[in-house]
């Protein structure tokens, strides 16, 4: 690894101090940058956890990171990326889904695998204090029953 490249960077207040975490997309690794400026300049970091997929989207809930994983596009492999070597080394197939990672231990404490036509995630967002949220499609009758606009707001 020759430094940090193609990283999605997100910040989290963790253990009372400002800590920076990033996704090393091409490797499938969540990394910790304790001294952000010095670490970026030197290209150094601390690996936290390996995730079996191309990483996109990072958000936080307390001491946990929520990470989005994607499969390769159109049956292409991750050839040429360190992620391909990491998948082989860990004897796992790439997957699409969400991982919940304990930032203190690096353990994956929960996961949700997404199968079927969805093979890529582009971002992750935590909706605090919400239960039973849902996505409403624009091409279904559901939109007429779920979304309403007060005529006085129109």
C-alpha atoms as a PDB file:
ATOM      1  CA  UNK A   1       0.000   0.000   0.000  1.00  0.00           C
ATOM      2  CA  UNK A   2       1.569   3.283  -1.028  1.00  0.00           C
ATOM      3  CA  UNK A   3      -0.452   5.733   1.026  1.00  0.00           C
ATOM      4  CA  UNK A   4      -4.051   6.828   1.040  1.00  0.00           C
ATOM      5  CA  UNK A   5      -5.921   6.941  -2.239  1.00  0.00           C
ATOM      6  CA  UNK A   6      -9.564   6.945  -3.338  1.00  0.00           C
ATOM      7  CA  UNK A   7     -10.784   7.407   0.240  1.00  0.00           C
ATOM      8  CA  UNK A   8     -14.204   8.484   1.396  1.00  0.00           C
ATOM      9  CA  UNK A   9     -13.474  10.413   4.592  1.00  0.00           C
ATOM     10  CA  UNK A  10     -15.941  10.935   7.436  1.00  0.00           C
ATOM     11  CA  UNK A  11     -15.497  12.248  10.967  1.00  0.00           C
ATOM     12  CA  UNK A  12     -16.825  10.994  14.247  1.00  0.00           C
ATOM     13  CA  UNK A  13     -16.473  12.199  17.807  1.00  0.00           C
ATOM     14  CA  UNK A  14     -15.332   9.051  19.578  1.00  0.00           C
ATOM     15  CA  UNK A  15     -14.147   8.609  23.173  1.00  0.00           C
ATOM     16  CA  UNK A  16     -14.290  12.361  23.776  1.00  0.00           C
ATOM     17  CA  UNK A  17     -11.701  13.262  21.121  1.00  0.00           C
ATOM     18  CA  UNK A  18     -12.005  14.042  17.438  1.00  0.00           C
ATOM     19  CA  UNK A  19     -11.120  10.885  15.507  1.00  0.00           C
ATOM     20  CA  UNK A  20     -11.172  10.490  11.751  1.00  0.00           C
ATOM     21  CA  UNK A  21     -12.162   7.329   9.954  1.00  0.00           C
ATOM     22  CA  UNK A  22     -12.046   6.619   6.241  1.00  0.00           C
ATOM     23  CA  UNK A  23     -12.952   3.876   3.801  1.00  0.00           C
ATOM     24  CA  UNK A  24     -10.083   2.418   1.829  1.00  0.00           C
ATOM     25  CA  UNK A  25     -12.513   1.510  -0.972  1.00  0.00           C
ATOM     26  CA  UNK A  26     -10.098  -0.394  -3.176  1.00  0.00           C
ATOM     27  CA  UNK A  27      -9.017  -2.625  -0.290  1.00  0.00           C
ATOM     28  CA  UNK A  28     -12.283  -3.154   1.610  1.00  0.00           C
ATOM     29  CA  UNK A  29     -10.784  -1.717   4.800  1.00  0.00           C
ATOM     30  CA  UNK A  30     -12.124   0.798   7.325  1.00  0.00           C
ATOM     31  CA  UNK A  31      -9.177   2.841   8.600  1.00  0.00           C
ATOM     32  CA  UNK A  32      -8.539   5.145  11.559  1.00  0.00           C
ATOM     33  CA  UNK A  33      -6.501   8.321  11.182  1.00  0.00           C
ATOM     34  CA  UNK A  34      -5.745   9.441  14.765  1.00  0.00           C
ATOM     35  CA  UNK A  35      -3.759  12.506  13.651  1.00  0.00           C
ATOM     36  CA  UNK A  36      -5.561  13.464  10.452  1.00  0.00           C
ATOM     37  CA  UNK A  37      -3.202  16.036   8.916  1.00  0.00           C
ATOM     38  CA  UNK A  38       0.020  14.188   9.801  1.00  0.00           C
ATOM     39  CA  UNK A  39      -1.452  10.846   8.732  1.00  0.00           C
ATOM     40  CA  UNK A  40      -2.638  12.168   5.363  1.00  0.00           C
ATOM     41  CA  UNK A  41       0.740  13.790   4.718  1.00  0.00           C
ATOM     42  CA  UNK A  42       2.615  10.578   5.584  1.00  0.00           C
ATOM     43  CA  UNK A  43       0.060   8.204   4.053  1.00  0.00           C
ATOM     44  CA  UNK A  44      -0.196   6.216   7.292  1.00  0.00           C
ATOM     45  CA  UNK A  45      -3.253   4.845   9.056  1.00  0.00           C
ATOM     46  CA  UNK A  46      -4.484   2.156  11.440  1.00  0.00           C
ATOM     47  CA  UNK A  47      -6.698  -0.551   9.879  1.00  0.00           C
ATOM     48  CA  UNK A  48      -9.885  -1.152  11.879  1.00  0.00           C
ATOM     49  CA  UNK A  49     -11.807  -3.856   9.981  1.00  0.00           C
ATOM     50  CA  UNK A  50     -11.931  -5.700   6.669  1.00  0.00           C
ATOM     51  CA  UNK A  51     -15.265  -5.752   4.832  1.00  0.00           C
ATOM     52  CA  UNK A  52     -15.834  -8.069   1.825  1.00  0.00           C
ATOM     53  CA  UNK A  53     -16.911  -5.556  -0.793  1.00  0.00           C
ATOM     54  CA  UNK A  54     -16.156  -2.232  -2.431  1.00  0.00           C
ATOM     55  CA  UNK A  55     -16.850   0.258   0.359  1.00  0.00           C
ATOM     56  CA  UNK A  56     -19.165   3.203  -0.170  1.00  0.00           C
ATOM     57  CA  UNK A  57     -20.890   5.166   2.531  1.00  0.00           C
ATOM     58  CA  UNK A  58     -19.881   5.636   6.143  1.00  0.00           C
ATOM     59  CA  UNK A  59     -21.890   6.945   9.078  1.00  0.00           C
ATOM     60  CA  UNK A  60     -21.735   6.589  12.840  1.00  0.00           C
ATOM     61  CA  UNK A  61     -23.962   5.697  15.791  1.00  0.00           C
ATOM     62  CA  UNK A  62     -22.139   6.059  19.089  1.00  0.00           C
ATOM     63  CA  UNK A  63     -19.015   3.869  18.983  1.00  0.00           C
ATOM     64  CA  UNK A  64     -20.183   2.034  15.854  1.00  0.00           C
ATOM     65  CA  UNK A  65     -19.510   2.638  12.174  1.00  0.00           C
ATOM     66  CA  UNK A  66     -22.158   1.746   9.592  1.00  0.00           C
ATOM     67  CA  UNK A  67     -20.469   0.843   6.297  1.00  0.00           C
ATOM     68  CA  UNK A  68     -21.992   0.165   2.867  1.00  0.00           C
ATOM     69  CA  UNK A  69     -20.547  -2.665   0.734  1.00  0.00           C
ATOM     70  CA  UNK A  70     -21.002  -3.206  -2.999  1.00  0.00           C
ATOM     71  CA  UNK A  71     -20.305  -6.074  -5.371  1.00  0.00           C
ATOM     72  CA  UNK A  72     -18.373  -5.517  -8.578  1.00  0.00           C
ATOM     73  CA  UNK A  73     -20.236  -3.994 -11.507  1.00  0.00           C
ATOM     74  CA  UNK A  74     -21.696  -6.154 -14.266  1.00  0.00           C
ATOM     75  CA  UNK A  75     -19.920  -9.367 -13.223  1.00  0.00           C
ATOM     76  CA  UNK A  76     -16.504  -7.720 -13.476  1.00  0.00           C
ATOM     77  CA  UNK A  77     -14.004  -8.710 -10.819  1.00  0.00           C
ATOM     78  CA  UNK A  78     -12.002  -6.422  -8.593  1.00  0.00           C
ATOM     79  CA  UNK A  79      -8.902  -7.430 -10.552  1.00  0.00           C
ATOM     80  CA  UNK A  80      -6.112  -4.948 -10.171  1.00  0.00           C
ATOM     81  CA  UNK A  81      -7.394  -3.805  -6.787  1.00  0.00           C
ATOM     82  CA  UNK A  82      -5.992  -4.917  -3.469  1.00  0.00           C
ATOM     83  CA  UNK A  83      -9.589  -5.803  -2.543  1.00  0.00           C
ATOM     84  CA  UNK A  84      -9.370  -8.824  -4.871  1.00  0.00           C
ATOM     85  CA  UNK A  85      -6.313 -10.107  -2.984  1.00  0.00           C
ATOM     86  CA  UNK A  86      -7.983  -9.425   0.380  1.00  0.00           C
ATOM     87  CA  UNK A  87     -11.110 -11.362  -0.641  1.00  0.00           C
ATOM     88  CA  UNK A  88      -8.949 -14.342  -1.674  1.00  0.00           C
ATOM     89  CA  UNK A  89      -6.832 -14.136   1.484  1.00  0.00           C
ATOM     90  CA  UNK A  90      -9.965 -14.059   3.697  1.00  0.00           C
ATOM     91  CA  UNK A  91     -11.684 -16.781   1.600  1.00  0.00           C
ATOM     92  CA  UNK A  92     -14.871 -14.751   1.097  1.00  0.00           C
ATOM     93  CA  UNK A  93     -16.991 -13.669  -1.842  1.00  0.00           C
ATOM     94  CA  UNK A  94     -17.797  -9.983  -2.361  1.00  0.00           C
ATOM     95  CA  UNK A  95     -21.212  -8.943  -1.106  1.00  0.00           C
ATOM     96  CA  UNK A  96     -23.627  -6.063  -1.117  1.00  0.00           C
ATOM     97  CA  UNK A  97     -24.956  -4.962   2.236  1.00  0.00           C
ATOM     98  CA  UNK A  98     -24.338  -3.084   5.453  1.00  0.00           C
ATOM     99  CA  UNK A  99     -21.809  -3.827   8.192  1.00  0.00           C
ATOM    100  CA  UNK A 100     -21.945  -2.457  11.728  1.00  0.00           C
ATOM    101  CA  UNK A 101     -18.420  -2.263  13.138  1.00  0.00           C
ATOM    102  CA  UNK A 102     -17.455  -1.722  16.784  1.00  0.00           C
ATOM    103  CA  UNK A 103     -14.814   1.014  16.517  1.00  0.00           C
ATOM    104  CA  UNK A 104     -13.130  -0.027  19.764  1.00  0.00           C
ATOM    105  CA  UNK A 105     -12.544  -3.670  18.781  1.00  0.00           C
ATOM    106  CA  UNK A 106     -12.895  -3.691  14.975  1.00  0.00           C
ATOM    107  CA  UNK A 107     -15.443  -6.513  15.264  1.00  0.00           C
ATOM    108  CA  UNK A 108     -18.380  -6.725  12.861  1.00  0.00           C
ATOM    109  CA  UNK A 109     -21.233  -6.869  15.379  1.00  0.00           C
ATOM    110  CA  UNK A 110     -24.168  -6.844  12.913  1.00  0.00           C
ATOM    111  CA  UNK A 111     -24.659  -7.095   9.177  1.00  0.00           C
ATOM    112  CA  UNK A 112     -27.414  -7.047   6.584  1.00  0.00           C
ATOM    113  CA  UNK A 113     -26.810  -8.722   3.235  1.00  0.00           C
ATOM    114  CA  UNK A 114     -28.668  -7.371   0.200  1.00  0.00           C
ATOM    115  CA  UNK A 115     -29.297  -9.865  -2.585  1.00  0.00           C
ATOM    116  CA  UNK A 116     -31.182  -9.804  -5.875  1.00  0.00           C
ATOM    117  CA  UNK A 117     -31.082  -6.980  -8.392  1.00  0.00           C
ATOM    118  CA  UNK A 118     -29.394  -4.533  -5.986  1.00  0.00           C
ATOM    119  CA  UNK A 119     -25.634  -5.086  -6.092  1.00  0.00           C
ATOM    120  CA  UNK A 120     -24.322  -1.608  -5.298  1.00  0.00           C
ATOM    121  CA  UNK A 121     -24.821   0.919  -2.515  1.00  0.00           C
ATOM    122  CA  UNK A 122     -23.700   4.491  -2.992  1.00  0.00           C
ATOM    123  CA  UNK A 123     -24.022   5.947   0.493  1.00  0.00           C
ATOM    124  CA  UNK A 124     -25.125   5.247   4.046  1.00  0.00           C
ATOM    125  CA  UNK A 125     -27.066   7.590   6.316  1.00  0.00           C
ATOM    126  CA  UNK A 126     -28.238   6.991   9.853  1.00  0.00           C
ATOM    127  CA  UNK A 127     -31.684   8.372  10.708  1.00  0.00           C
ATOM    128  CA  UNK A 128     -31.541   8.902  14.477  1.00  0.00           C
ATOM    129  CA  UNK A 129     -34.620   8.316  16.632  1.00  0.00           C
ATOM    130  CA  UNK A 130     -36.604   6.750  13.774  1.00  0.00           C
ATOM    131  CA  UNK A 131     -38.357   3.385  13.653  1.00  0.00           C
ATOM    132  CA  UNK A 132     -39.955   1.524  10.780  1.00  0.00           C
ATOM    133  CA  UNK A 133     -38.721   3.888   8.096  1.00  0.00           C
ATOM    134  CA  UNK A 134     -39.372   2.983   4.479  1.00  0.00           C
ATOM    135  CA  UNK A 135     -38.495   4.076   0.982  1.00  0.00           C
ATOM    136  CA  UNK A 136     -41.438   4.906  -1.238  1.00  0.00           C
ATOM    137  CA  UNK A 137     -41.165   4.263  -4.957  1.00  0.00           C
ATOM    138  CA  UNK A 138     -42.362   6.815  -7.491  1.00  0.00           C
ATOM    139  CA  UNK A 139     -43.747   4.195  -9.889  1.00  0.00           C
ATOM    140  CA  UNK A 140     -46.106   2.470  -7.480  1.00  0.00           C
ATOM    141  CA  UNK A 141     -49.523   3.241  -6.049  1.00  0.00           C
ATOM    142  CA  UNK A 142     -47.815   3.421  -2.691  1.00  0.00           C
ATOM    143  CA  UNK A 143     -46.820   7.029  -3.374  1.00  0.00           C
ATOM    144  CA  UNK A 144     -50.494   8.068  -3.521  1.00  0.00           C
ATOM    145  CA  UNK A 145     -51.291   6.459  -0.170  1.00  0.00           C
ATOM    146  CA  UNK A 146     -48.182   7.434   1.792  1.00  0.00           C
ATOM    147  CA  UNK A 147     -47.225  10.937   0.684  1.00  0.00           C
ATOM    148  CA  UNK A 148     -49.674  13.786   1.082  1.00  0.00           C
ATOM    149  CA  UNK A 149     -49.274  17.514   0.559  1.00  0.00           C
ATOM    150  CA  UNK A 150     -51.425  19.969   2.427  1.00  0.00           C
ATOM    151  CA  UNK A 151     -53.148  22.210  -0.184  1.00  0.00           C
ATOM    152  CA  UNK A 152     -52.223  25.288   1.852  1.00  0.00           C
ATOM    153  CA  UNK A 153     -48.507  24.384   1.445  1.00  0.00           C
ATOM    154  CA  UNK A 154     -48.735  24.017  -2.337  1.00  0.00           C
END
